[in-house]
């Protein structure tokens, strides 16, 4: 699956889970956060798409996904990132 397609699937998943994806510029990597009960994933739009996808995978791996329908390729991408993080 192309990176652009993965990103689109992440956007749909975020909508399903009421998580807001925010993109901005600056000196930061990005990640998942909660503010006043609202859920956000912050991405640095100046970073390559591959890096933003890793941030999304890492962020969603922190959430409860068992009850969510996720396109198999996206689920595999998230799970493979979990394994990379666990071995780091």
PDB file of N, CA and C in Angstrom:
ATOM      1  N   UNK A   1       0.850  -1.183   0.000  1.00  0.00           N
ATOM      2  CA  UNK A   1       0.000   0.000   0.000  1.00  0.00           C
ATOM      3  C   UNK A   1       0.890   1.238   0.000  1.00  0.00           C
ATOM      4  N   UNK A   2       0.517   2.218  -0.783  1.00  0.00           N
ATOM      5  CA  UNK A   2       1.287   3.454  -0.872  1.00  0.00           C
ATOM      6  C   UNK A   2       1.171   4.262   0.421  1.00  0.00           C
ATOM      7  N   UNK A   3       2.194   5.069   0.674  1.00  0.00           N
ATOM      8  CA  UNK A   3       2.218   5.884   1.892  1.00  0.00           C
ATOM      9  C   UNK A   3       1.027   6.840   1.949  1.00  0.00           C
ATOM     10  N   UNK A   4       0.647   7.413   0.813  1.00  0.00           N
ATOM     11  CA  UNK A   4      -0.486   8.343   0.789  1.00  0.00           C
ATOM     12  C   UNK A   4      -1.782   7.627   1.179  1.00  0.00           C
ATOM     13  N   UNK A   5      -1.922   6.373   0.745  1.00  0.00           N
ATOM     14  CA  UNK A   5      -3.112   5.591   1.096  1.00  0.00           C
ATOM     15  C   UNK A   5      -3.127   5.287   2.588  1.00  0.00           C
ATOM     16  N   UNK A   6      -1.966   4.924   3.137  1.00  0.00           N
ATOM     17  CA  UNK A   6      -1.879   4.676   4.574  1.00  0.00           C
ATOM     18  C   UNK A   6      -2.284   5.916   5.355  1.00  0.00           C
ATOM     19  N   UNK A   7      -1.798   7.062   4.918  1.00  0.00           N
ATOM     20  CA  UNK A   7      -2.130   8.316   5.607  1.00  0.00           C
ATOM     21  C   UNK A   7      -3.644   8.539   5.579  1.00  0.00           C
ATOM     22  N   UNK A   8      -4.272   8.312   4.436  1.00  0.00           N
ATOM     23  CA  UNK A   8      -5.723   8.454   4.325  1.00  0.00           C
ATOM     24  C   UNK A   8      -6.467   7.514   5.268  1.00  0.00           C
ATOM     25  N   UNK A   9      -5.974   6.282   5.397  1.00  0.00           N
ATOM     26  CA  UNK A   9      -6.598   5.326   6.320  1.00  0.00           C
ATOM     27  C   UNK A   9      -6.416   5.771   7.771  1.00  0.00           C
ATOM     28  N   UNK A  10      -5.262   6.349   8.084  1.00  0.00           N
ATOM     29  CA  UNK A  10      -5.056   6.891   9.426  1.00  0.00           C
ATOM     30  C   UNK A  10      -6.052   8.023   9.697  1.00  0.00           C
ATOM     31  N   UNK A  11      -6.294   8.875   8.708  1.00  0.00           N
ATOM     32  CA  UNK A  11      -7.259   9.972   8.884  1.00  0.00           C
ATOM     33  C   UNK A  11      -8.655   9.422   9.152  1.00  0.00           C
ATOM     34  N   UNK A  12      -9.066   8.385   8.423  1.00  0.00           N
ATOM     35  CA  UNK A  12     -10.383   7.774   8.641  1.00  0.00           C
ATOM     36  C   UNK A  12     -10.476   7.148  10.028  1.00  0.00           C
ATOM     37  N   UNK A  13      -9.414   6.470  10.439  1.00  0.00           N
ATOM     38  CA  UNK A  13      -9.388   5.858  11.768  1.00  0.00           C
ATOM     39  C   UNK A  13      -9.493   6.929  12.848  1.00  0.00           C
ATOM     40  N   UNK A  14      -8.790   8.018  12.652  1.00  0.00           N
ATOM     41  CA  UNK A  14      -8.852   9.124  13.622  1.00  0.00           C
ATOM     42  C   UNK A  14     -10.287   9.645  13.729  1.00  0.00           C
ATOM     43  N   UNK A  15     -10.975   9.786  12.594  1.00  0.00           N
ATOM     44  CA  UNK A  15     -12.375  10.234  12.617  1.00  0.00           C
ATOM     45  C   UNK A  15     -13.247   9.251  13.390  1.00  0.00           C
ATOM     46  N   UNK A  16     -13.045   7.956  13.153  1.00  0.00           N
ATOM     47  CA  UNK A  16     -13.824   6.925  13.845  1.00  0.00           C
ATOM     48  C   UNK A  16     -13.638   7.018  15.355  1.00  0.00           C
ATOM     49  N   UNK A  17     -12.434   7.336  15.762  1.00  0.00           N
ATOM     50  CA  UNK A  17     -12.089   7.324  17.180  1.00  0.00           C
ATOM     51  C   UNK A  17     -12.141   8.707  17.814  1.00  0.00           C
ATOM     52  N   UNK A  18     -12.640   9.693  17.099  1.00  0.00           N
ATOM     53  CA  UNK A  18     -12.691  11.087  17.552  1.00  0.00           C
ATOM     54  C   UNK A  18     -11.332  11.578  18.064  1.00  0.00           C
ATOM     55  N   UNK A  19     -10.323  11.298  17.272  1.00  0.00           N
ATOM     56  CA  UNK A  19      -8.966  11.792  17.518  1.00  0.00           C
ATOM     57  C   UNK A  19      -8.687  12.825  16.434  1.00  0.00           C
ATOM     58  N   UNK A  20      -8.220  13.990  16.834  1.00  0.00           N
ATOM     59  CA  UNK A  20      -7.915  15.055  15.885  1.00  0.00           C
ATOM     60  C   UNK A  20      -6.443  14.998  15.493  1.00  0.00           C
ATOM     61  N   UNK A  21      -6.184  14.975  14.190  1.00  0.00           N
ATOM     62  CA  UNK A  21      -4.808  15.037  13.701  1.00  0.00           C
ATOM     63  C   UNK A  21      -4.499  16.493  13.374  1.00  0.00           C
ATOM     64  N   UNK A  22      -3.493  17.018  14.041  1.00  0.00           N
ATOM     65  CA  UNK A  22      -3.066  18.398  13.821  1.00  0.00           C
ATOM     66  C   UNK A  22      -1.694  18.384  13.168  1.00  0.00           C
ATOM     67  N   UNK A  23      -1.524  19.194  12.138  1.00  0.00           N
ATOM     68  CA  UNK A  23      -0.228  19.298  11.485  1.00  0.00           C
ATOM     69  C   UNK A  23       0.281  20.726  11.634  1.00  0.00           C
ATOM     70  N   UNK A  24       1.520  20.847  12.021  1.00  0.00           N
ATOM     71  CA  UNK A  24       2.117  22.159  12.181  1.00  0.00           C
ATOM     72  C   UNK A  24       3.592  22.120  11.843  1.00  0.00           C
ATOM     73  N   UNK A  25       4.196  23.283  11.862  1.00  0.00           N
ATOM     74  CA  UNK A  25       5.625  23.409  11.584  1.00  0.00           C
ATOM     75  C   UNK A  25       6.339  23.741  12.882  1.00  0.00           C
ATOM     76  N   UNK A  26       7.562  23.264  13.000  1.00  0.00           N
ATOM     77  CA  UNK A  26       8.339  23.587  14.185  1.00  0.00           C
ATOM     78  C   UNK A  26       9.427  22.572  14.422  1.00  0.00           C
ATOM     79  N   UNK A  27      10.066  22.697  15.547  1.00  0.00           N
ATOM     80  CA  UNK A  27      11.159  21.803  15.920  1.00  0.00           C
ATOM     81  C   UNK A  27      10.623  20.753  16.888  1.00  0.00           C
ATOM     82  N   UNK A  28       9.828  19.807  16.376  1.00  0.00           N
ATOM     83  CA  UNK A  28       9.255  18.748  17.196  1.00  0.00           C
ATOM     84  C   UNK A  28       9.013  17.519  16.335  1.00  0.00           C
ATOM     85  N   UNK A  29       8.931  16.373  16.988  1.00  0.00           N
ATOM     86  CA  UNK A  29       8.679  15.118  16.283  1.00  0.00           C
ATOM     87  C   UNK A  29       7.180  14.879  16.111  1.00  0.00           C
ATOM     88  N   UNK A  30       6.421  15.168  17.161  1.00  0.00           N
ATOM     89  CA  UNK A  30       4.988  14.911  17.143  1.00  0.00           C
ATOM     90  C   UNK A  30       4.654  13.710  18.001  1.00  0.00           C
ATOM     91  N   UNK A  31       3.355  13.466  18.145  1.00  0.00           N
ATOM     92  CA  UNK A  31       2.900  12.337  18.943  1.00  0.00           C
ATOM     93  C   UNK A  31       1.479  12.526  19.436  1.00  0.00           C
ATOM     94  N   UNK A  32       1.071  11.622  20.323  1.00  0.00           N
ATOM     95  CA  UNK A  32      -0.289  11.589  20.855  1.00  0.00           C
ATOM     96  C   UNK A  32      -0.357  12.374  22.159  1.00  0.00           C
ATOM     97  N   UNK A  33      -1.453  13.100  22.347  1.00  0.00           N
ATOM     98  CA  UNK A  33      -1.669  13.787  23.613  1.00  0.00           C
ATOM     99  C   UNK A  33      -3.168  13.983  23.848  1.00  0.00           C
ATOM    100  N   UNK A  34      -3.501  14.226  25.105  1.00  0.00           N
ATOM    101  CA  UNK A  34      -4.874  14.506  25.502  1.00  0.00           C
ATOM    102  C   UNK A  34      -4.888  15.868  26.180  1.00  0.00           C
ATOM    103  N   UNK A  35      -5.811  16.729  25.750  1.00  0.00           N
ATOM    104  CA  UNK A  35      -5.958  18.055  26.347  1.00  0.00           C
ATOM    105  C   UNK A  35      -7.427  18.244  26.694  1.00  0.00           C
ATOM    106  N   UNK A  36      -7.707  18.453  27.987  1.00  0.00           N
ATOM    107  CA  UNK A  36      -9.074  18.657  28.461  1.00  0.00           C
ATOM    108  C   UNK A  36     -10.023  17.571  27.959  1.00  0.00           C
ATOM    109  N   UNK A  37      -9.545  16.323  27.934  1.00  0.00           N
ATOM    110  CA  UNK A  37     -10.380  15.196  27.519  1.00  0.00           C
ATOM    111  C   UNK A  37     -10.465  14.986  26.020  1.00  0.00           C
ATOM    112  N   UNK A  38      -9.900  15.884  25.235  1.00  0.00           N
ATOM    113  CA  UNK A  38      -9.880  15.726  23.777  1.00  0.00           C
ATOM    114  C   UNK A  38      -8.571  15.065  23.370  1.00  0.00           C
ATOM    115  N   UNK A  39      -8.644  14.217  22.337  1.00  0.00           N
ATOM    116  CA  UNK A  39      -7.485  13.432  21.908  1.00  0.00           C
ATOM    117  C   UNK A  39      -6.909  14.003  20.612  1.00  0.00           C
ATOM    118  N   UNK A  40      -5.592  14.155  20.611  1.00  0.00           N
ATOM    119  CA  UNK A  40      -4.901  14.743  19.465  1.00  0.00           C
ATOM    120  C   UNK A  40      -3.668  13.925  19.107  1.00  0.00           C
ATOM    121  N   UNK A  41      -3.366  13.930  17.815  1.00  0.00           N
ATOM    122  CA  UNK A  41      -2.067  13.460  17.346  1.00  0.00           C
ATOM    123  C   UNK A  41      -1.477  14.638  16.587  1.00  0.00           C
ATOM    124  N   UNK A  42      -0.323  15.080  17.037  1.00  0.00           N
ATOM    125  CA  UNK A  42       0.330  16.242  16.444  1.00  0.00           C
ATOM    126  C   UNK A  42       1.436  15.735  15.519  1.00  0.00           C
ATOM    127  N   UNK A  43       1.423  16.239  14.286  1.00  0.00           N
ATOM    128  CA  UNK A  43       2.421  15.864  13.289  1.00  0.00           C
ATOM    129  C   UNK A  43       3.168  17.102  12.824  1.00  0.00           C
ATOM    130  N   UNK A  44       4.448  16.937  12.566  1.00  0.00           N
ATOM    131  CA  UNK A  44       5.249  18.011  11.994  1.00  0.00           C
ATOM    132  C   UNK A  44       5.173  17.870  10.477  1.00  0.00           C
ATOM    133  N   UNK A  45       4.464  18.789   9.834  1.00  0.00           N
ATOM    134  CA  UNK A  45       4.245  18.657   8.390  1.00  0.00           C
ATOM    135  C   UNK A  45       5.490  18.930   7.558  1.00  0.00           C
ATOM    136  N   UNK A  46       6.553  19.385   8.189  1.00  0.00           N
ATOM    137  CA  UNK A  46       7.800  19.575   7.443  1.00  0.00           C
ATOM    138  C   UNK A  46       8.618  18.279   7.379  1.00  0.00           C
ATOM    139  N   UNK A  47       8.219  17.277   8.133  1.00  0.00           N
ATOM    140  CA  UNK A  47       8.924  15.987   8.134  1.00  0.00           C
ATOM    141  C   UNK A  47       8.457  15.145   6.958  1.00  0.00           C
ATOM    142  N   UNK A  48       9.293  14.208   6.503  1.00  0.00           N
ATOM    143  CA  UNK A  48       8.876  13.327   5.400  1.00  0.00           C
ATOM    144  C   UNK A  48       7.640  12.502   5.789  1.00  0.00           C
ATOM    145  N   UNK A  49       6.850  12.144   4.789  1.00  0.00           N
ATOM    146  CA  UNK A  49       5.623  11.387   5.036  1.00  0.00           C
ATOM    147  C   UNK A  49       5.915  10.093   5.782  1.00  0.00           C
ATOM    148  N   UNK A  50       7.002   9.432   5.456  1.00  0.00           N
ATOM    149  CA  UNK A  50       7.363   8.181   6.132  1.00  0.00           C
ATOM    150  C   UNK A  50       7.492   8.386   7.641  1.00  0.00           C
ATOM    151  N   UNK A  51       8.111   9.477   8.045  1.00  0.00           N
ATOM    152  CA  UNK A  51       8.274   9.768   9.475  1.00  0.00           C
ATOM    153  C   UNK A  51       6.929  10.092  10.125  1.00  0.00           C
ATOM    154  N   UNK A  52       6.093  10.844   9.422  1.00  0.00           N
ATOM    155  CA  UNK A  52       4.761  11.160   9.967  1.00  0.00           C
ATOM    156  C   UNK A  52       3.941   9.893  10.133  1.00  0.00           C
ATOM    157  N   UNK A  53       4.077   8.941   9.205  1.00  0.00           N
ATOM    158  CA  UNK A  53       3.364   7.670   9.328  1.00  0.00           C
ATOM    159  C   UNK A  53       3.845   6.887  10.549  1.00  0.00           C
ATOM    160  N   UNK A  54       5.141   6.931  10.831  1.00  0.00           N
ATOM    161  CA  UNK A  54       5.660   6.249  12.026  1.00  0.00           C
ATOM    162  C   UNK A  54       5.101   6.893  13.299  1.00  0.00           C
ATOM    163  N   UNK A  55       4.988   8.216  13.303  1.00  0.00           N
ATOM    164  CA  UNK A  55       4.411   8.910  14.461  1.00  0.00           C
ATOM    165  C   UNK A  55       2.947   8.490  14.632  1.00  0.00           C
ATOM    166  N   UNK A  56       2.209   8.428  13.527  1.00  0.00           N
ATOM    167  CA  UNK A  56       0.806   7.998  13.602  1.00  0.00           C
ATOM    168  C   UNK A  56       0.709   6.568  14.116  1.00  0.00           C
ATOM    169  N   UNK A  57       1.543   5.673  13.600  1.00  0.00           N
ATOM    170  CA  UNK A  57       1.514   4.273  14.040  1.00  0.00           C
ATOM    171  C   UNK A  57       1.818   4.175  15.532  1.00  0.00           C
ATOM    172  N   UNK A  58       2.836   4.888  15.968  1.00  0.00           N
ATOM    173  CA  UNK A  58       3.183   4.874  17.385  1.00  0.00           C
ATOM    174  C   UNK A  58       2.074   5.448  18.256  1.00  0.00           C
ATOM    175  N   UNK A  59       1.442   6.491  17.767  1.00  0.00           N
ATOM    176  CA  UNK A  59       0.361   7.125  18.527  1.00  0.00           C
ATOM    177  C   UNK A  59      -0.849   6.202  18.631  1.00  0.00           C
ATOM    178  N   UNK A  60      -1.244   5.615  17.511  1.00  0.00           N
ATOM    179  CA  UNK A  60      -2.402   4.716  17.548  1.00  0.00           C
ATOM    180  C   UNK A  60      -2.103   3.435  18.318  1.00  0.00           C
ATOM    181  N   UNK A  61      -0.837   3.026  18.377  1.00  0.00           N
ATOM    182  CA  UNK A  61      -0.515   1.820  19.143  1.00  0.00           C
ATOM    183  C   UNK A  61      -0.714   2.042  20.640  1.00  0.00           C
ATOM    184  N   UNK A  62      -0.778   3.297  21.072  1.00  0.00           N
ATOM    185  CA  UNK A  62      -1.039   3.617  22.476  1.00  0.00           C
ATOM    186  C   UNK A  62      -2.525   3.531  22.822  1.00  0.00           C
ATOM    187  N   UNK A  63      -3.375   3.455  21.805  1.00  0.00           N
ATOM    188  CA  UNK A  63      -4.822   3.468  22.012  1.00  0.00           C
ATOM    189  C   UNK A  63      -5.399   2.058  21.939  1.00  0.00           C
ATOM    190  N   UNK A  64      -6.597   1.888  22.470  1.00  0.00           N
ATOM    191  CA  UNK A  64      -7.293   0.610  22.428  1.00  0.00           C
ATOM    192  C   UNK A  64      -7.926   0.448  21.049  1.00  0.00           C
ATOM    193  N   UNK A  65      -7.394  -0.483  20.260  1.00  0.00           N
ATOM    194  CA  UNK A  65      -7.842  -0.651  18.878  1.00  0.00           C
ATOM    195  C   UNK A  65      -8.629  -1.936  18.653  1.00  0.00           C
ATOM    196  N   UNK A  66      -8.773  -2.772  19.673  1.00  0.00           N
ATOM    197  CA  UNK A  66      -9.423  -4.078  19.483  1.00  0.00           C
ATOM    198  C   UNK A  66     -10.855  -3.973  18.987  1.00  0.00           C
ATOM    199  N   UNK A  67     -11.560  -2.935  19.360  1.00  0.00           N
ATOM    200  CA  UNK A  67     -12.969  -2.795  18.981  1.00  0.00           C
ATOM    201  C   UNK A  67     -13.156  -2.024  17.681  1.00  0.00           C
ATOM    202  N   UNK A  68     -12.056  -1.573  17.076  1.00  0.00           N
ATOM    203  CA  UNK A  68     -12.132  -0.757  15.863  1.00  0.00           C
ATOM    204  C   UNK A  68     -11.882  -1.606  14.623  1.00  0.00           C
ATOM    205  N   UNK A  69     -12.685  -1.356  13.567  1.00  0.00           N
ATOM    206  CA  UNK A  69     -12.343  -1.978  12.297  1.00  0.00           C
ATOM    207  C   UNK A  69     -11.193  -1.169  11.700  1.00  0.00           C
ATOM    208  N   UNK A  70     -10.148  -1.866  11.337  1.00  0.00           N
ATOM    209  CA  UNK A  70      -8.987  -1.222  10.729  1.00  0.00           C
ATOM    210  C   UNK A  70      -8.631  -2.028   9.486  1.00  0.00           C
ATOM    211  N   UNK A  71      -8.426  -1.352   8.382  1.00  0.00           N
ATOM    212  CA  UNK A  71      -8.006  -2.008   7.148  1.00  0.00           C
ATOM    213  C   UNK A  71      -6.796  -2.887   7.477  1.00  0.00           C
ATOM    214  N   UNK A  72      -6.787  -4.143   7.024  1.00  0.00           N
ATOM    215  CA  UNK A  72      -5.696  -5.060   7.399  1.00  0.00           C
ATOM    216  C   UNK A  72      -4.284  -4.515   7.172  1.00  0.00           C
ATOM    217  N   UNK A  73      -4.042  -3.841   6.069  1.00  0.00           N
ATOM    218  CA  UNK A  73      -2.698  -3.305   5.808  1.00  0.00           C
ATOM    219  C   UNK A  73      -2.320  -2.249   6.850  1.00  0.00           C
ATOM    220  N   UNK A  74      -3.292  -1.452   7.282  1.00  0.00           N
ATOM    221  CA  UNK A  74      -3.025  -0.433   8.296  1.00  0.00           C
ATOM    222  C   UNK A  74      -2.768  -1.086   9.649  1.00  0.00           C
ATOM    223  N   UNK A  75      -3.573  -2.085  10.006  1.00  0.00           N
ATOM    224  CA  UNK A  75      -3.367  -2.794  11.270  1.00  0.00           C
ATOM    225  C   UNK A  75      -1.966  -3.420  11.303  1.00  0.00           C
ATOM    226  N   UNK A  76      -1.569  -4.013  10.186  1.00  0.00           N
ATOM    227  CA  UNK A  76      -0.246  -4.623  10.090  1.00  0.00           C
ATOM    228  C   UNK A  76       0.853  -3.565  10.263  1.00  0.00           C
ATOM    229  N   UNK A  77       0.663  -2.395   9.659  1.00  0.00           N
ATOM    230  CA  UNK A  77       1.629  -1.310   9.775  1.00  0.00           C
ATOM    231  C   UNK A  77       1.755  -0.868  11.233  1.00  0.00           C
ATOM    232  N   UNK A  78       0.638  -0.717  11.917  1.00  0.00           N
ATOM    233  CA  UNK A  78       0.649  -0.301  13.329  1.00  0.00           C
ATOM    234  C   UNK A  78       1.326  -1.372  14.179  1.00  0.00           C
ATOM    235  N   UNK A  79       0.968  -2.643  13.955  1.00  0.00           N
ATOM    236  CA  UNK A  79       1.553  -3.724  14.751  1.00  0.00           C
ATOM    237  C   UNK A  79       3.042  -3.866  14.492  1.00  0.00           C
ATOM    238  N   UNK A  80       3.478  -3.668  13.252  1.00  0.00           N
ATOM    239  CA  UNK A  80       4.912  -3.777  12.962  1.00  0.00           C
ATOM    240  C   UNK A  80       5.671  -2.653  13.664  1.00  0.00           C
ATOM    241  N   UNK A  81       5.040  -1.490  13.804  1.00  0.00           N
ATOM    242  CA  UNK A  81       5.685  -0.396  14.522  1.00  0.00           C
ATOM    243  C   UNK A  81       5.780  -0.730  16.012  1.00  0.00           C
ATOM    244  N   UNK A  82       4.758  -1.382  16.556  1.00  0.00           N
ATOM    245  CA  UNK A  82       4.801  -1.784  17.968  1.00  0.00           C
ATOM    246  C   UNK A  82       5.988  -2.706  18.210  1.00  0.00           C
ATOM    247  N   UNK A  83       6.228  -3.639  17.285  1.00  0.00           N
ATOM    248  CA  UNK A  83       7.347  -4.570  17.443  1.00  0.00           C
ATOM    249  C   UNK A  83       8.678  -3.830  17.378  1.00  0.00           C
ATOM    250  N   UNK A  84       8.804  -2.855  16.465  1.00  0.00           N
ATOM    251  CA  UNK A  84      10.036  -2.069  16.365  1.00  0.00           C
ATOM    252  C   UNK A  84      10.295  -1.310  17.664  1.00  0.00           C
ATOM    253  N   UNK A  85       9.241  -0.719  18.224  1.00  0.00           N
ATOM    254  CA  UNK A  85       9.363   0.060  19.451  1.00  0.00           C
ATOM    255  C   UNK A  85       9.746  -0.838  20.617  1.00  0.00           C
ATOM    256  N   UNK A  86       9.163  -2.038  20.668  1.00  0.00           N
ATOM    257  CA  UNK A  86       9.444  -2.964  21.761  1.00  0.00           C
ATOM    258  C   UNK A  86      10.891  -3.444  21.738  1.00  0.00           C
ATOM    259  N   UNK A  87      11.478  -3.551  20.539  1.00  0.00           N
ATOM    260  CA  UNK A  87      12.867  -4.022  20.424  1.00  0.00           C
ATOM    261  C   UNK A  87      13.886  -2.901  20.521  1.00  0.00           C
ATOM    262  N   UNK A  88      13.425  -1.672  20.538  1.00  0.00           N
ATOM    263  CA  UNK A  88      14.362  -0.531  20.571  1.00  0.00           C
ATOM    264  C   UNK A  88      14.938  -0.328  21.949  1.00  0.00           C
TER     265      UNK A  88
END
